[in-house]
C-alpha cells in the first residue's frame, strides 16, 4: 500500500469538502480530496437548488459539477476511495482508505450524512425495487403511477412536488399533523392537485410479491390501520452521520456527529470537521460551504504555526 504525504487531506467531496479544497489549494497547500461515492453529496439529489446566494435556480448535479470544475482548474487531486480510518503518525496523520494510505499534516472530515430508514417490515427487501431515497434519481421509474412519500421536512415536500410532475398521484405521509418544511414549499404543496396529504400516520409495513404493491399505515392517534396501494415509496425521514470510522480519533456526540467548535476544530489537534457531519443546529448548503471555508483556513493557520 503506497503512502503519499500532503499538507491537507479532505475526506468527503460534498459542498463542504469541495469548498475546503478550493480554499486550501488557493492557499498553496498540497491537498488531496477523497470521496467514496459520487462528488456533490446531498445536493446531487436536488432537482432544483433555489437558496444558494447569487444563483436563483440551478440543478443540484449542475452545481456539483461547477464546484468540481473549479477545483480541476486548480489541478486538484481527487481520488475515489472510501476512508476506513485515521491513525496518528510521526509527521501528522495517516489516512487509511480502500485505495491507499496517505499521510496528512492536517485532516478535514467532511463526510456528510446518509439517509435514515424507516426500519419496518419489508423495507430492506424492496430497496431498489420500489423503495427509494431520491425522487430526482428514481422518479421516472414510476411515471403515471401512484407513489408515497414519507416525511415532514423540506426534503419530503420537495420530493412530493417533484413526483407530482411525474406520477399520477402522490401520497405525502407524515407522523405529525404539521410540517416542518419552509413556507414557500408548503404554499406550492397546497397548489398541487395530485398530492394527497395523510397526517398522524406511520408506515408499519411495506408489502408486495415481485414488486412493491402497498404500504400498511397506522394512525398514531386512533390506532386505525389500513392498506394503501402504491407502486413506490420515497423515504425522506432524516439522515445519519457517517463518522463511525473516526470514533477513536475525534469525539462524537450521542447521535454520532463530530463535536467541533465554531472554528471547526475537533477534539484532536490538526483534525477539523466541516459540513453536515459535525454537531450543529442548521444543516444547509450554505452552512456546509461556510464550514468548508472555516475548516480550510483553520487548517492552513494550524500548518503555519507548525513551521
C-alpha atoms as a PDB file:
ATOM      1  CA  UNK A   1       0.000   0.000   0.000  1.00  0.00           C
ATOM      2  CA  UNK A   2       1.522   3.266  -1.129  1.00  0.00           C
ATOM      3  CA  UNK A   3       1.833   6.292   1.147  1.00  0.00           C
ATOM      4  CA  UNK A   4       1.988   9.835  -0.159  1.00  0.00           C
ATOM      5  CA  UNK A   5       2.230  12.943   2.011  1.00  0.00           C
ATOM      6  CA  UNK A   6       0.029  16.029   1.757  1.00  0.00           C
ATOM      7  CA  UNK A   7      -0.410  19.194   3.751  1.00  0.00           C
ATOM      8  CA  UNK A   8      -4.166  18.604   3.949  1.00  0.00           C
ATOM      9  CA  UNK A   9      -6.287  15.543   3.233  1.00  0.00           C
ATOM     10  CA  UNK A  10     -10.023  16.190   2.969  1.00  0.00           C
ATOM     11  CA  UNK A  11     -12.419  13.293   3.486  1.00  0.00           C
ATOM     12  CA  UNK A  12     -15.631  13.802   1.534  1.00  0.00           C
ATOM     13  CA  UNK A  13     -16.364  15.714  -1.666  1.00  0.00           C
ATOM     14  CA  UNK A  14     -19.695  17.271  -0.878  1.00  0.00           C
ATOM     15  CA  UNK A  15     -20.125  21.069  -0.806  1.00  0.00           C
ATOM     16  CA  UNK A  16     -18.150  21.346   2.466  1.00  0.00           C
ATOM     17  CA  UNK A  17     -15.275  19.198   1.242  1.00  0.00           C
ATOM     18  CA  UNK A  18     -15.075  20.840  -2.177  1.00  0.00           C
ATOM     19  CA  UNK A  19     -15.131  24.310  -0.628  1.00  0.00           C
ATOM     20  CA  UNK A  20     -12.388  23.313   1.800  1.00  0.00           C
ATOM     21  CA  UNK A  21     -10.315  22.013  -1.120  1.00  0.00           C
ATOM     22  CA  UNK A  22     -10.841  25.266  -3.016  1.00  0.00           C
ATOM     23  CA  UNK A  23      -9.531  27.373  -0.142  1.00  0.00           C
ATOM     24  CA  UNK A  24      -6.673  25.008   0.660  1.00  0.00           C
ATOM     25  CA  UNK A  25      -5.498  24.957  -2.962  1.00  0.00           C
ATOM     26  CA  UNK A  26      -5.727  28.727  -3.279  1.00  0.00           C
ATOM     27  CA  UNK A  27      -3.594  28.958  -0.144  1.00  0.00           C
ATOM     28  CA  UNK A  28      -0.916  26.949  -1.925  1.00  0.00           C
ATOM     29  CA  UNK A  29      -1.295  23.818   0.180  1.00  0.00           C
ATOM     30  CA  UNK A  30      -0.790  20.337  -1.258  1.00  0.00           C
ATOM     31  CA  UNK A  31      -4.284  18.923  -0.987  1.00  0.00           C
ATOM     32  CA  UNK A  32      -5.982  15.577  -1.564  1.00  0.00           C
ATOM     33  CA  UNK A  33      -9.747  15.153  -1.773  1.00  0.00           C
ATOM     34  CA  UNK A  34     -11.042  11.642  -1.053  1.00  0.00           C
ATOM     35  CA  UNK A  35     -14.604  10.578  -1.893  1.00  0.00           C
ATOM     36  CA  UNK A  36     -16.044   7.088  -1.551  1.00  0.00           C
ATOM     37  CA  UNK A  37     -19.146   7.664  -3.682  1.00  0.00           C
ATOM     38  CA  UNK A  38     -20.171  10.500  -6.017  1.00  0.00           C
ATOM     39  CA  UNK A  39     -18.940  14.034  -5.505  1.00  0.00           C
ATOM     40  CA  UNK A  40     -21.605  16.603  -4.634  1.00  0.00           C
ATOM     41  CA  UNK A  41     -23.100  14.968  -1.540  1.00  0.00           C
ATOM     42  CA  UNK A  42     -26.758  15.615  -0.847  1.00  0.00           C
ATOM     43  CA  UNK A  43     -27.139  18.367  -3.456  1.00  0.00           C
ATOM     44  CA  UNK A  44     -26.963  15.943  -6.372  1.00  0.00           C
ATOM     45  CA  UNK A  45     -30.324  14.591  -5.198  1.00  0.00           C
ATOM     46  CA  UNK A  46     -31.932  18.029  -5.517  1.00  0.00           C
ATOM     47  CA  UNK A  47     -33.641  18.696  -8.812  1.00  0.00           C
ATOM     48  CA  UNK A  48     -33.550  22.404  -8.095  1.00  0.00           C
ATOM     49  CA  UNK A  49     -31.411  24.427  -5.711  1.00  0.00           C
ATOM     50  CA  UNK A  50     -33.104  27.770  -5.121  1.00  0.00           C
ATOM     51  CA  UNK A  51     -31.445  29.051  -1.936  1.00  0.00           C
ATOM     52  CA  UNK A  52     -27.795  29.420  -2.970  1.00  0.00           C
ATOM     53  CA  UNK A  53     -26.884  33.141  -2.955  1.00  0.00           C
ATOM     54  CA  UNK A  54     -26.307  34.613  -6.392  1.00  0.00           C
ATOM     55  CA  UNK A  55     -27.856  31.594  -8.122  1.00  0.00           C
ATOM     56  CA  UNK A  56     -31.674  31.892  -8.142  1.00  0.00           C
ATOM     57  CA  UNK A  57     -32.131  28.396  -9.561  1.00  0.00           C
ATOM     58  CA  UNK A  58     -29.751  25.593 -10.536  1.00  0.00           C
ATOM     59  CA  UNK A  59     -29.874  21.820 -10.669  1.00  0.00           C
ATOM     60  CA  UNK A  60     -28.065  20.043  -7.865  1.00  0.00           C
ATOM     61  CA  UNK A  61     -25.952  17.964 -10.242  1.00  0.00           C
ATOM     62  CA  UNK A  62     -25.056  21.053 -12.265  1.00  0.00           C
ATOM     63  CA  UNK A  63     -23.970  22.923  -9.130  1.00  0.00           C
ATOM     64  CA  UNK A  64     -21.779  19.996  -8.035  1.00  0.00           C
ATOM     65  CA  UNK A  65     -20.217  19.850 -11.496  1.00  0.00           C
ATOM     66  CA  UNK A  66     -19.459  23.573 -11.378  1.00  0.00           C
ATOM     67  CA  UNK A  67     -17.788  23.194  -7.984  1.00  0.00           C
ATOM     68  CA  UNK A  68     -15.677  20.287  -9.199  1.00  0.00           C
ATOM     69  CA  UNK A  69     -14.791  22.105 -12.418  1.00  0.00           C
ATOM     70  CA  UNK A  70     -13.456  24.985 -10.339  1.00  0.00           C
ATOM     71  CA  UNK A  71     -11.239  22.557  -8.423  1.00  0.00           C
ATOM     72  CA  UNK A  72      -9.979  20.857 -11.564  1.00  0.00           C
ATOM     73  CA  UNK A  73      -8.931  24.259 -12.896  1.00  0.00           C
ATOM     74  CA  UNK A  74      -6.636  24.426  -9.879  1.00  0.00           C
ATOM     75  CA  UNK A  75      -5.264  20.937 -10.640  1.00  0.00           C
ATOM     76  CA  UNK A  76      -6.980  19.428  -7.620  1.00  0.00           C
ATOM     77  CA  UNK A  77      -6.089  15.826  -6.846  1.00  0.00           C
ATOM     78  CA  UNK A  78      -9.280  13.845  -6.328  1.00  0.00           C
ATOM     79  CA  UNK A  79      -9.254  10.123  -5.534  1.00  0.00           C
ATOM     80  CA  UNK A  80     -12.247   7.808  -5.462  1.00  0.00           C
ATOM     81  CA  UNK A  81     -11.766   5.828  -2.270  1.00  0.00           C
ATOM     82  CA  UNK A  82     -13.579   5.137   0.977  1.00  0.00           C
ATOM     83  CA  UNK A  83     -11.677   6.187   4.092  1.00  0.00           C
ATOM     84  CA  UNK A  84     -11.541   3.388   6.648  1.00  0.00           C
ATOM     85  CA  UNK A  85      -9.672   5.071   9.498  1.00  0.00           C
ATOM     86  CA  UNK A  86      -7.160   7.632  10.707  1.00  0.00           C
ATOM     87  CA  UNK A  87      -4.141   6.915  12.905  1.00  0.00           C
ATOM     88  CA  UNK A  88      -1.509   9.198  14.396  1.00  0.00           C
ATOM     89  CA  UNK A  89       1.778   9.314  12.504  1.00  0.00           C
ATOM     90  CA  UNK A  90       5.132  10.895  13.340  1.00  0.00           C
ATOM     91  CA  UNK A  91       4.588  13.671  10.795  1.00  0.00           C
ATOM     92  CA  UNK A  92       0.826  14.122  11.195  1.00  0.00           C
ATOM     93  CA  UNK A  93      -1.866  11.551  10.488  1.00  0.00           C
ATOM     94  CA  UNK A  94      -2.141   8.508   8.281  1.00  0.00           C
ATOM     95  CA  UNK A  95      -5.442   8.496   6.449  1.00  0.00           C
ATOM     96  CA  UNK A  96      -6.248   4.901   5.537  1.00  0.00           C
ATOM     97  CA  UNK A  97      -8.524   4.179   2.596  1.00  0.00           C
ATOM     98  CA  UNK A  98      -9.597   1.410   0.253  1.00  0.00           C
ATOM     99  CA  UNK A  99      -7.208   2.888  -2.300  1.00  0.00           C
ATOM    100  CA  UNK A 100      -4.064   3.612  -0.277  1.00  0.00           C
ATOM    101  CA  UNK A 101      -2.737   5.207   2.887  1.00  0.00           C
ATOM    102  CA  UNK A 102      -1.949   8.903   2.772  1.00  0.00           C
ATOM    103  CA  UNK A 103      -0.014  10.991   5.277  1.00  0.00           C
ATOM    104  CA  UNK A 104      -1.535  14.367   6.098  1.00  0.00           C
ATOM    105  CA  UNK A 105      -0.210  17.125   8.277  1.00  0.00           C
ATOM    106  CA  UNK A 106      -3.852  18.161   8.786  1.00  0.00           C
ATOM    107  CA  UNK A 107      -7.150  16.432   8.074  1.00  0.00           C
ATOM    108  CA  UNK A 108     -10.593  17.854   7.319  1.00  0.00           C
ATOM    109  CA  UNK A 109     -13.527  15.496   7.814  1.00  0.00           C
ATOM    110  CA  UNK A 110     -16.455  16.412   5.570  1.00  0.00           C
ATOM    111  CA  UNK A 111     -18.164  13.048   5.402  1.00  0.00           C
ATOM    112  CA  UNK A 112     -21.735  14.305   5.252  1.00  0.00           C
ATOM    113  CA  UNK A 113     -24.699  12.128   6.106  1.00  0.00           C
ATOM    114  CA  UNK A 114     -26.696   9.224   4.711  1.00  0.00           C
ATOM    115  CA  UNK A 115     -30.409   8.521   4.619  1.00  0.00           C
ATOM    116  CA  UNK A 116     -32.273   7.251   7.663  1.00  0.00           C
ATOM    117  CA  UNK A 117     -34.511   4.243   7.030  1.00  0.00           C
ATOM    118  CA  UNK A 118     -37.990   3.551   8.362  1.00  0.00           C
ATOM    119  CA  UNK A 119     -36.967   0.234   9.891  1.00  0.00           C
ATOM    120  CA  UNK A 120     -40.248  -1.503   9.069  1.00  0.00           C
ATOM    121  CA  UNK A 121     -41.173  -4.966   7.854  1.00  0.00           C
ATOM    122  CA  UNK A 122     -40.469  -5.440   4.152  1.00  0.00           C
ATOM    123  CA  UNK A 123     -38.328  -2.323   3.727  1.00  0.00           C
ATOM    124  CA  UNK A 124     -34.924  -3.918   3.160  1.00  0.00           C
ATOM    125  CA  UNK A 125     -36.204  -6.343   0.550  1.00  0.00           C
ATOM    126  CA  UNK A 126     -37.680  -3.575  -1.580  1.00  0.00           C
ATOM    127  CA  UNK A 127     -34.779  -1.108  -1.533  1.00  0.00           C
ATOM    128  CA  UNK A 128     -34.045  -0.587  -5.208  1.00  0.00           C
ATOM    129  CA  UNK A 129     -37.266  -2.411  -6.105  1.00  0.00           C
ATOM    130  CA  UNK A 130     -39.805   0.203  -5.077  1.00  0.00           C
ATOM    131  CA  UNK A 131     -38.226   1.818  -2.029  1.00  0.00           C
ATOM    132  CA  UNK A 132     -36.125   4.854  -2.914  1.00  0.00           C
ATOM    133  CA  UNK A 133     -34.383   7.720  -1.141  1.00  0.00           C
ATOM    134  CA  UNK A 134     -34.096  10.006  -4.170  1.00  0.00           C
ATOM    135  CA  UNK A 135     -37.135  11.312  -6.038  1.00  0.00           C
ATOM    136  CA  UNK A 136     -34.972  13.069  -8.614  1.00  0.00           C
ATOM    137  CA  UNK A 137     -32.972   9.911  -9.310  1.00  0.00           C
ATOM    138  CA  UNK A 138     -35.787   7.357  -9.410  1.00  0.00           C
ATOM    139  CA  UNK A 139     -38.991   9.288 -10.047  1.00  0.00           C
ATOM    140  CA  UNK A 140     -39.196   8.424 -13.746  1.00  0.00           C
ATOM    141  CA  UNK A 141     -39.389   4.718 -12.889  1.00  0.00           C
ATOM    142  CA  UNK A 142     -42.864   5.444 -11.503  1.00  0.00           C
ATOM    143  CA  UNK A 143     -44.195   7.630 -14.297  1.00  0.00           C
ATOM    144  CA  UNK A 144     -48.005   7.785 -14.321  1.00  0.00           C
ATOM    145  CA  UNK A 145     -48.205   5.547 -11.240  1.00  0.00           C
ATOM    146  CA  UNK A 146     -49.200   6.181  -7.627  1.00  0.00           C
ATOM    147  CA  UNK A 147     -46.450   6.576  -5.035  1.00  0.00           C
ATOM    148  CA  UNK A 148     -45.981   7.589  -1.413  1.00  0.00           C
ATOM    149  CA  UNK A 149     -43.505   9.984   0.169  1.00  0.00           C
ATOM    150  CA  UNK A 150     -42.786   9.601   3.895  1.00  0.00           C
ATOM    151  CA  UNK A 151     -41.600  12.596   5.929  1.00  0.00           C
ATOM    152  CA  UNK A 152     -42.467  16.086   7.040  1.00  0.00           C
ATOM    153  CA  UNK A 153     -39.480  18.318   6.305  1.00  0.00           C
ATOM    154  CA  UNK A 154     -38.171  20.221   3.295  1.00  0.00           C
ATOM    155  CA  UNK A 155     -36.888  17.099   1.559  1.00  0.00           C
ATOM    156  CA  UNK A 156     -40.181  15.244   1.860  1.00  0.00           C
ATOM    157  CA  UNK A 157     -42.205  18.150   0.487  1.00  0.00           C
ATOM    158  CA  UNK A 158     -39.692  18.767  -2.309  1.00  0.00           C
ATOM    159  CA  UNK A 159     -39.803  15.080  -3.222  1.00  0.00           C
ATOM    160  CA  UNK A 160     -43.605  15.129  -3.309  1.00  0.00           C
ATOM    161  CA  UNK A 161     -43.562  18.179  -5.588  1.00  0.00           C
ATOM    162  CA  UNK A 162     -41.021  16.593  -7.938  1.00  0.00           C
ATOM    163  CA  UNK A 163     -43.023  13.369  -8.118  1.00  0.00           C
ATOM    164  CA  UNK A 164     -46.297  15.222  -8.664  1.00  0.00           C
ATOM    165  CA  UNK A 165     -44.967  16.226 -12.097  1.00  0.00           C
ATOM    166  CA  UNK A 166     -44.213  12.607 -12.992  1.00  0.00           C
ATOM    167  CA  UNK A 167     -46.678  10.365 -11.151  1.00  0.00           C
ATOM    168  CA  UNK A 168     -50.445  10.162 -11.420  1.00  0.00           C
ATOM    169  CA  UNK A 169     -50.829  10.621  -7.659  1.00  0.00           C
ATOM    170  CA  UNK A 170     -48.571  11.224  -4.674  1.00  0.00           C
ATOM    171  CA  UNK A 171     -49.457  10.474  -1.055  1.00  0.00           C
ATOM    172  CA  UNK A 172     -47.440  12.522   1.428  1.00  0.00           C
ATOM    173  CA  UNK A 173     -47.399  10.648   4.751  1.00  0.00           C
ATOM    174  CA  UNK A 174     -46.344  12.369   7.975  1.00  0.00           C
ATOM    175  CA  UNK A 175     -46.474  11.128  11.558  1.00  0.00           C
ATOM    176  CA  UNK A 176     -47.478  14.570  12.865  1.00  0.00           C
ATOM    177  CA  UNK A 177     -50.276  16.980  11.950  1.00  0.00           C
ATOM    178  CA  UNK A 178     -47.980  19.840  10.909  1.00  0.00           C
ATOM    179  CA  UNK A 179     -44.997  20.020   8.580  1.00  0.00           C
ATOM    180  CA  UNK A 180     -41.513  21.383   9.299  1.00  0.00           C
ATOM    181  CA  UNK A 181     -40.940  22.461   5.704  1.00  0.00           C
ATOM    182  CA  UNK A 182     -40.369  26.078   4.707  1.00  0.00           C
ATOM    183  CA  UNK A 183     -43.412  28.230   3.969  1.00  0.00           C
ATOM    184  CA  UNK A 184     -42.738  28.646   0.229  1.00  0.00           C
ATOM    185  CA  UNK A 185     -42.686  24.851  -0.160  1.00  0.00           C
ATOM    186  CA  UNK A 186     -45.910  24.448   1.795  1.00  0.00           C
ATOM    187  CA  UNK A 187     -47.540  27.074  -0.421  1.00  0.00           C
ATOM    188  CA  UNK A 188     -46.546  25.100  -3.509  1.00  0.00           C
ATOM    189  CA  UNK A 189     -47.728  21.895  -1.848  1.00  0.00           C
ATOM    190  CA  UNK A 190     -51.177  23.381  -1.289  1.00  0.00           C
ATOM    191  CA  UNK A 191     -51.495  24.104  -5.006  1.00  0.00           C
ATOM    192  CA  UNK A 192     -50.537  20.614  -6.175  1.00  0.00           C
ATOM    193  CA  UNK A 193     -53.784  18.915  -7.187  1.00  0.00           C
ATOM    194  CA  UNK A 194     -52.472  15.348  -7.331  1.00  0.00           C
ATOM    195  CA  UNK A 195     -50.815  15.293  -3.886  1.00  0.00           C
ATOM    196  CA  UNK A 196     -52.891  13.872  -1.033  1.00  0.00           C
ATOM    197  CA  UNK A 197     -51.632  14.584   2.480  1.00  0.00           C
ATOM    198  CA  UNK A 198     -52.015  11.883   5.134  1.00  0.00           C
ATOM    199  CA  UNK A 199     -51.121  13.136   8.599  1.00  0.00           C
ATOM    200  CA  UNK A 200     -50.861  11.496  12.038  1.00  0.00           C
ATOM    201  CA  UNK A 201     -49.832   8.268  10.323  1.00  0.00           C
ATOM    202  CA  UNK A 202     -46.797   5.998  10.135  1.00  0.00           C
ATOM    203  CA  UNK A 203     -45.812   3.209   7.773  1.00  0.00           C
ATOM    204  CA  UNK A 204     -45.663  -0.107   9.628  1.00  0.00           C
ATOM    205  CA  UNK A 205     -45.057  -2.466   6.701  1.00  0.00           C
ATOM    206  CA  UNK A 206     -44.113  -2.412   3.026  1.00  0.00           C
ATOM    207  CA  UNK A 207     -45.769  -5.168   1.010  1.00  0.00           C
ATOM    208  CA  UNK A 208     -45.523  -6.830  -2.375  1.00  0.00           C
ATOM    209  CA  UNK A 209     -44.671 -10.006  -4.206  1.00  0.00           C
ATOM    210  CA  UNK A 210     -42.294  -9.455  -7.126  1.00  0.00           C
ATOM    211  CA  UNK A 211     -42.692  -5.674  -6.913  1.00  0.00           C
ATOM    212  CA  UNK A 212     -43.833  -3.281  -4.220  1.00  0.00           C
ATOM    213  CA  UNK A 213     -47.615  -3.122  -4.130  1.00  0.00           C
ATOM    214  CA  UNK A 214     -48.731  -1.373  -0.940  1.00  0.00           C
ATOM    215  CA  UNK A 215     -47.867   0.089   2.443  1.00  0.00           C
ATOM    216  CA  UNK A 216     -49.656  -0.510   5.712  1.00  0.00           C
ATOM    217  CA  UNK A 217     -50.440   2.707   7.572  1.00  0.00           C
ATOM    218  CA  UNK A 218     -51.290   3.166  11.231  1.00  0.00           C
ATOM    219  CA  UNK A 219     -52.914   6.299  12.615  1.00  0.00           C
ATOM    220  CA  UNK A 220     -50.896   7.288  15.702  1.00  0.00           C
ATOM    221  CA  UNK A 221     -53.931   8.886  17.371  1.00  0.00           C
ATOM    222  CA  UNK A 222     -56.658   6.343  16.690  1.00  0.00           C
ATOM    223  CA  UNK A 223     -54.554   3.182  16.072  1.00  0.00           C
ATOM    224  CA  UNK A 224     -56.623   2.615  12.929  1.00  0.00           C
ATOM    225  CA  UNK A 225     -54.793   0.544  10.320  1.00  0.00           C
ATOM    226  CA  UNK A 226     -55.332   0.477   6.580  1.00  0.00           C
ATOM    227  CA  UNK A 227     -53.577  -0.607   3.400  1.00  0.00           C
ATOM    228  CA  UNK A 228     -52.563   1.980   0.808  1.00  0.00           C
ATOM    229  CA  UNK A 229     -51.840   0.627  -2.690  1.00  0.00           C
ATOM    230  CA  UNK A 230     -48.736   2.307  -4.196  1.00  0.00           C
ATOM    231  CA  UNK A 231     -46.011   1.319  -6.633  1.00  0.00           C
ATOM    232  CA  UNK A 232     -43.207   3.093  -4.839  1.00  0.00           C
ATOM    233  CA  UNK A 233     -42.197   4.584  -1.502  1.00  0.00           C
ATOM    234  CA  UNK A 234     -39.804   7.523  -1.233  1.00  0.00           C
ATOM    235  CA  UNK A 235     -38.336   7.847   2.235  1.00  0.00           C
ATOM    236  CA  UNK A 236     -37.385  11.316   3.489  1.00  0.00           C
ATOM    237  CA  UNK A 237     -37.262  10.842   7.254  1.00  0.00           C
ATOM    238  CA  UNK A 238     -33.884  12.274   8.109  1.00  0.00           C
ATOM    239  CA  UNK A 239     -30.229  11.484   7.832  1.00  0.00           C
ATOM    240  CA  UNK A 240     -27.423   9.782   9.754  1.00  0.00           C
ATOM    241  CA  UNK A 241     -23.774  10.891  10.061  1.00  0.00           C
ATOM    242  CA  UNK A 242     -21.017   8.718   8.593  1.00  0.00           C
ATOM    243  CA  UNK A 243     -18.433   9.030  11.344  1.00  0.00           C
ATOM    244  CA  UNK A 244     -18.050   5.561  12.840  1.00  0.00           C
ATOM    245  CA  UNK A 245     -14.596   5.136  11.300  1.00  0.00           C
ATOM    246  CA  UNK A 246     -13.338   8.166  13.260  1.00  0.00           C
ATOM    247  CA  UNK A 247     -14.815   7.416  16.679  1.00  0.00           C
ATOM    248  CA  UNK A 248     -11.394   6.568  18.080  1.00  0.00           C
ATOM    249  CA  UNK A 249      -9.709   9.786  16.917  1.00  0.00           C
ATOM    250  CA  UNK A 250     -12.324  12.531  17.466  1.00  0.00           C
ATOM    251  CA  UNK A 251     -15.180  12.996  19.918  1.00  0.00           C
ATOM    252  CA  UNK A 252     -18.692  12.208  18.665  1.00  0.00           C
ATOM    253  CA  UNK A 253     -21.969  13.228  20.269  1.00  0.00           C
ATOM    254  CA  UNK A 254     -24.687  10.735  21.191  1.00  0.00           C
ATOM    255  CA  UNK A 255     -26.109  10.886  17.638  1.00  0.00           C
ATOM    256  CA  UNK A 256     -22.736  10.225  16.038  1.00  0.00           C
ATOM    257  CA  UNK A 257     -21.962  13.759  14.867  1.00  0.00           C
ATOM    258  CA  UNK A 258     -18.429  15.103  15.250  1.00  0.00           C
ATOM    259  CA  UNK A 259     -18.019  17.547  18.113  1.00  0.00           C
ATOM    260  CA  UNK A 260     -16.250  20.651  16.801  1.00  0.00           C
ATOM    261  CA  UNK A 261     -16.149  24.321  17.756  1.00  0.00           C
ATOM    262  CA  UNK A 262     -17.091  27.246  15.523  1.00  0.00           C
ATOM    263  CA  UNK A 263     -13.562  27.159  14.152  1.00  0.00           C
ATOM    264  CA  UNK A 264     -14.318  23.583  13.001  1.00  0.00           C
ATOM    265  CA  UNK A 265     -11.576  22.239  15.316  1.00  0.00           C
ATOM    266  CA  UNK A 266     -12.349  18.784  16.684  1.00  0.00           C
ATOM    267  CA  UNK A 267     -11.161  17.306  19.975  1.00  0.00           C
ATOM    268  CA  UNK A 268      -7.930  16.270  18.215  1.00  0.00           C
ATOM    269  CA  UNK A 269      -5.429  18.946  17.241  1.00  0.00           C
ATOM    270  CA  UNK A 270      -4.920  19.076  13.492  1.00  0.00           C
ATOM    271  CA  UNK A 271      -8.189  17.353  12.624  1.00  0.00           C
ATOM    272  CA  UNK A 272     -11.105  19.570  11.592  1.00  0.00           C
ATOM    273  CA  UNK A 273     -14.744  18.862  10.714  1.00  0.00           C
ATOM    274  CA  UNK A 274     -16.929  20.636   8.174  1.00  0.00           C
ATOM    275  CA  UNK A 275     -20.487  20.372   6.938  1.00  0.00           C
ATOM    276  CA  UNK A 276     -23.374  18.118   7.888  1.00  0.00           C
ATOM    277  CA  UNK A 277     -21.142  15.574   9.642  1.00  0.00           C
ATOM    278  CA  UNK A 278     -20.442  17.910  12.558  1.00  0.00           C
ATOM    279  CA  UNK A 279     -22.631  18.752  15.528  1.00  0.00           C
ATOM    280  CA  UNK A 280     -24.692  21.832  14.642  1.00  0.00           C
ATOM    281  CA  UNK A 281     -28.234  23.169  14.600  1.00  0.00           C
ATOM    282  CA  UNK A 282     -28.594  24.112  10.931  1.00  0.00           C
ATOM    283  CA  UNK A 283     -27.597  21.860   8.031  1.00  0.00           C
ATOM    284  CA  UNK A 284     -27.941  23.659   4.729  1.00  0.00           C
ATOM    285  CA  UNK A 285     -25.898  24.049   1.552  1.00  0.00           C
ATOM    286  CA  UNK A 286     -24.745  27.494   2.650  1.00  0.00           C
ATOM    287  CA  UNK A 287     -23.700  26.332   6.123  1.00  0.00           C
ATOM    288  CA  UNK A 288     -21.771  23.443   4.558  1.00  0.00           C
ATOM    289  CA  UNK A 289     -19.795  25.745   2.268  1.00  0.00           C
ATOM    290  CA  UNK A 290     -19.227  28.146   5.159  1.00  0.00           C
ATOM    291  CA  UNK A 291     -17.839  25.285   7.249  1.00  0.00           C
ATOM    292  CA  UNK A 292     -15.579  24.272   4.370  1.00  0.00           C
ATOM    293  CA  UNK A 293     -14.164  27.784   4.256  1.00  0.00           C
ATOM    294  CA  UNK A 294     -13.622  27.964   8.004  1.00  0.00           C
ATOM    295  CA  UNK A 295     -12.087  24.490   8.252  1.00  0.00           C
ATOM    296  CA  UNK A 296      -9.646  25.106   5.397  1.00  0.00           C
ATOM    297  CA  UNK A 297      -8.474  28.442   6.749  1.00  0.00           C
ATOM    298  CA  UNK A 298      -8.161  26.968  10.244  1.00  0.00           C
ATOM    299  CA  UNK A 299      -6.133  24.063   8.870  1.00  0.00           C
ATOM    300  CA  UNK A 300      -3.846  26.462   6.993  1.00  0.00           C
ATOM    301  CA  UNK A 301      -3.337  28.521  10.146  1.00  0.00           C
ATOM    302  CA  UNK A 302      -2.569  25.350  12.077  1.00  0.00           C
ATOM    303  CA  UNK A 303       0.054  24.372   9.492  1.00  0.00           C
ATOM    304  CA  UNK A 304       1.546  27.857   9.547  1.00  0.00           C
ATOM    305  CA  UNK A 305       2.034  27.523  13.284  1.00  0.00           C
ATOM    306  CA  UNK A 306       3.831  24.202  12.820  1.00  0.00           C
ATOM    307  CA  UNK A 307       6.579  25.761  10.679  1.00  0.00           C
END
